[in-house]
C-alpha atoms as a PDB file:
ATOM      1  CA  MET A   1      -0.088  -0.137  -0.160  1.00  0.00           C
ATOM      2  CA  GLY A   2       1.475   3.393  -0.923  1.00  0.00           C
ATOM      3  CA  THR A   3       0.485   6.661   0.340  1.00  0.00           C
ATOM      4  CA  ASP A   4      -2.662   7.036  -1.621  1.00  0.00           C
ATOM      5  CA  THR A   5      -4.211  10.153   0.149  1.00  0.00           C
ATOM      6  CA  ALA A   6      -7.689   9.120  -1.006  1.00  0.00           C
ATOM      7  CA  THR A   7      -7.637   5.872   0.962  1.00  0.00           C
ATOM      8  CA  LEU A   8      -9.911   5.778   4.056  1.00  0.00           C
ATOM      9  CA  VAL A   9      -9.238   3.340   6.593  1.00  0.00           C
ATOM     10  CA  ALA A  10     -12.443   1.968   8.576  1.00  0.00           C
ATOM     11  CA  GLY A  11     -14.353   4.625   6.768  1.00  0.00           C
ATOM     12  CA  ARG A  12     -13.089   7.469   8.894  1.00  0.00           C
ATOM     13  CA  TYR A  13      -8.960   7.661   8.752  1.00  0.00           C
ATOM     14  CA  ARG A  14      -7.608   9.540   5.684  1.00  0.00           C
ATOM     15  CA  LEU A  15      -4.257   8.304   5.095  1.00  0.00           C
ATOM     16  CA  MET A  16      -1.884  11.434   4.634  1.00  0.00           C
ATOM     17  CA  SER A  17       1.882  10.164   4.485  1.00  0.00           C
ATOM     18  CA  VAL A  18       4.160   7.208   5.628  1.00  0.00           C
ATOM     19  CA  VAL A  19       6.023   8.030   8.720  1.00  0.00           C
ATOM     20  CA  GLY A  20       7.868   4.862   9.191  1.00  0.00           C
ATOM     21  CA  THR A  21       8.413   1.467   7.976  1.00  0.00           C
ATOM     22  CA  GLY A  22       9.568  -1.744   9.775  1.00  0.00           C
ATOM     23  CA  GLY A  23      10.078  -5.545   8.777  1.00  0.00           C
ATOM     24  CA  SER A  24       6.407  -6.212   9.089  1.00  0.00           C
ATOM     25  CA  ALA A  25       4.286  -2.912   9.130  1.00  0.00           C
ATOM     26  CA  ARG A  26       4.215   0.523   7.985  1.00  0.00           C
ATOM     27  CA  VAL A  27       2.849   3.651   9.930  1.00  0.00           C
ATOM     28  CA  HIS A  28       0.883   6.325   8.416  1.00  0.00           C
ATOM     29  CA  LEU A  29       0.164   9.584   9.553  1.00  0.00           C
ATOM     30  CA  ALA A  30      -3.620  10.177   8.964  1.00  0.00           C
ATOM     31  CA  SER A  31      -6.604  12.540   9.791  1.00  0.00           C
ATOM     32  CA  ASP A  32      -9.663  11.190  11.412  1.00  0.00           C
ATOM     33  CA  LEU A  33     -12.771  12.603   9.872  1.00  0.00           C
ATOM     34  CA  ASP A  34     -13.341  14.578  13.112  1.00  0.00           C
ATOM     35  CA  GLY A  35     -10.160  16.387  12.397  1.00  0.00           C
ATOM     36  CA  ARG A  36      -7.709  14.962  14.924  1.00  0.00           C
ATOM     37  CA  LEU A  37      -4.334  13.659  13.652  1.00  0.00           C
ATOM     38  CA  VAL A  38      -3.639   9.712  14.397  1.00  0.00           C
ATOM     39  CA  ALA A  39      -1.061   7.307  13.492  1.00  0.00           C
ATOM     40  CA  ILE A  40      -2.034   3.943  11.892  1.00  0.00           C
ATOM     41  CA  LYS A  41       0.029   0.922  11.902  1.00  0.00           C
ATOM     42  CA  LEU A  42      -0.783  -1.365   8.864  1.00  0.00           C
ATOM     43  CA  LEU A  43       0.785  -4.800   8.425  1.00  0.00           C
ATOM     44  CA  ILE A  44       2.407  -4.691   4.881  1.00  0.00           C
ATOM     45  CA  PRO A  45       1.255  -7.048   2.085  1.00  0.00           C
ATOM     46  CA  PRO A  46       3.728  -9.989   2.458  1.00  0.00           C
ATOM     47  CA  GLN A  47       3.082 -10.285   6.456  1.00  0.00           C
ATOM     48  CA  ALA A  48      -0.693  -9.496   6.142  1.00  0.00           C
ATOM     49  CA  GLY A  49      -0.813 -12.918   4.555  1.00  0.00           C
ATOM     50  CA  ASP A  50       1.172 -14.865   7.164  1.00  0.00           C
ATOM     51  CA  PRO A  51      -0.881 -16.336   9.813  1.00  0.00           C
ATOM     52  CA  GLY A  52       2.085 -16.079  12.376  1.00  0.00           C
ATOM     53  CA  ALA A  53       2.769 -12.486  11.598  1.00  0.00           C
ATOM     54  CA  VAL A  54      -1.126 -11.657  11.835  1.00  0.00           C
ATOM     55  CA  GLU A  55      -1.205 -13.536  15.228  1.00  0.00           C
ATOM     56  CA  ARG A  56       1.777 -11.492  16.511  1.00  0.00           C
ATOM     57  CA  PHE A  57       0.055  -8.277  15.500  1.00  0.00           C
ATOM     58  CA  THR A  58      -3.231  -9.338  17.120  1.00  0.00           C
ATOM     59  CA  ARG A  59      -1.244  -9.743  20.455  1.00  0.00           C
ATOM     60  CA  GLU A  60       0.453  -6.307  20.002  1.00  0.00           C
ATOM     61  CA  VAL A  61      -3.095  -4.887  19.505  1.00  0.00           C
ATOM     62  CA  ALA A  62      -4.621  -6.514  22.664  1.00  0.00           C
ATOM     63  CA  ILE A  63      -1.407  -5.476  24.592  1.00  0.00           C
ATOM     64  CA  ALA A  64      -1.566  -1.815  23.425  1.00  0.00           C
ATOM     65  CA  ARG A  65      -5.180  -1.584  24.281  1.00  0.00           C
ATOM     66  CA  SER A  66      -4.737  -3.000  27.851  1.00  0.00           C
ATOM     67  CA  ILE A  67      -1.990  -0.272  28.373  1.00  0.00           C
ATOM     68  CA  THR A  68      -3.215   3.091  30.017  1.00  0.00           C
ATOM     69  CA  HIS A  69      -0.505   5.340  31.101  1.00  0.00           C
ATOM     70  CA  ARG A  70       0.029   9.215  30.470  1.00  0.00           C
ATOM     71  CA  ASN A  71       3.389   8.398  28.897  1.00  0.00           C
ATOM     72  CA  VAL A  72       2.201   5.686  26.489  1.00  0.00           C
ATOM     73  CA  VAL A  73       0.464   6.225  23.256  1.00  0.00           C
ATOM     74  CA  ARG A  74      -3.110   5.108  23.506  1.00  0.00           C
ATOM     75  CA  ALA A  75      -4.754   2.408  21.181  1.00  0.00           C
ATOM     76  CA  LEU A  76      -7.925   4.023  19.648  1.00  0.00           C
ATOM     77  CA  ASN A  77      -9.171   1.461  17.141  1.00  0.00           C
ATOM     78  CA  SER A  78      -8.268  -1.650  15.191  1.00  0.00           C
ATOM     79  CA  GLY A  79      -9.453  -3.849  12.601  1.00  0.00           C
ATOM     80  CA  THR A  80      -8.768  -5.030   8.979  1.00  0.00           C
ATOM     81  CA  HIS A  81      -8.405  -2.756   6.055  1.00  0.00           C
ATOM     82  CA  ARG A  82      -7.980  -4.539   2.460  1.00  0.00           C
ATOM     83  CA  GLY A  83      -7.068  -7.810   4.347  1.00  0.00           C
ATOM     84  CA  ALA A  84      -4.449  -6.324   6.360  1.00  0.00           C
ATOM     85  CA  PRO A  85      -4.790  -5.627  10.308  1.00  0.00           C
ATOM     86  CA  TYR A  86      -4.312  -2.189  11.570  1.00  0.00           C
ATOM     87  CA  LEU A  87      -3.955  -0.490  14.739  1.00  0.00           C
ATOM     88  CA  VAL A  88      -4.853   3.318  15.188  1.00  0.00           C
ATOM     89  CA  MET A  89      -2.977   5.401  17.835  1.00  0.00           C
END
């Protein structure tokens, strides 16, 4: 997935630019339709088709949702977009 600015994730997050890429995921700056800026972590295509990678990402999402601390980014939403799991922070 590139930096298609017309892409909406979950019908509400407009992808703006890529801010980081790792071995299994890409993080995008996005704008929520309510106007706030968020970061969206999406598994990249080769990893999105790997059950092991999807399971690890799913655990990461669960852990992120369980943490509440003022110095840790908050998990806002998660799901699947075009077959790839995502996490909104």
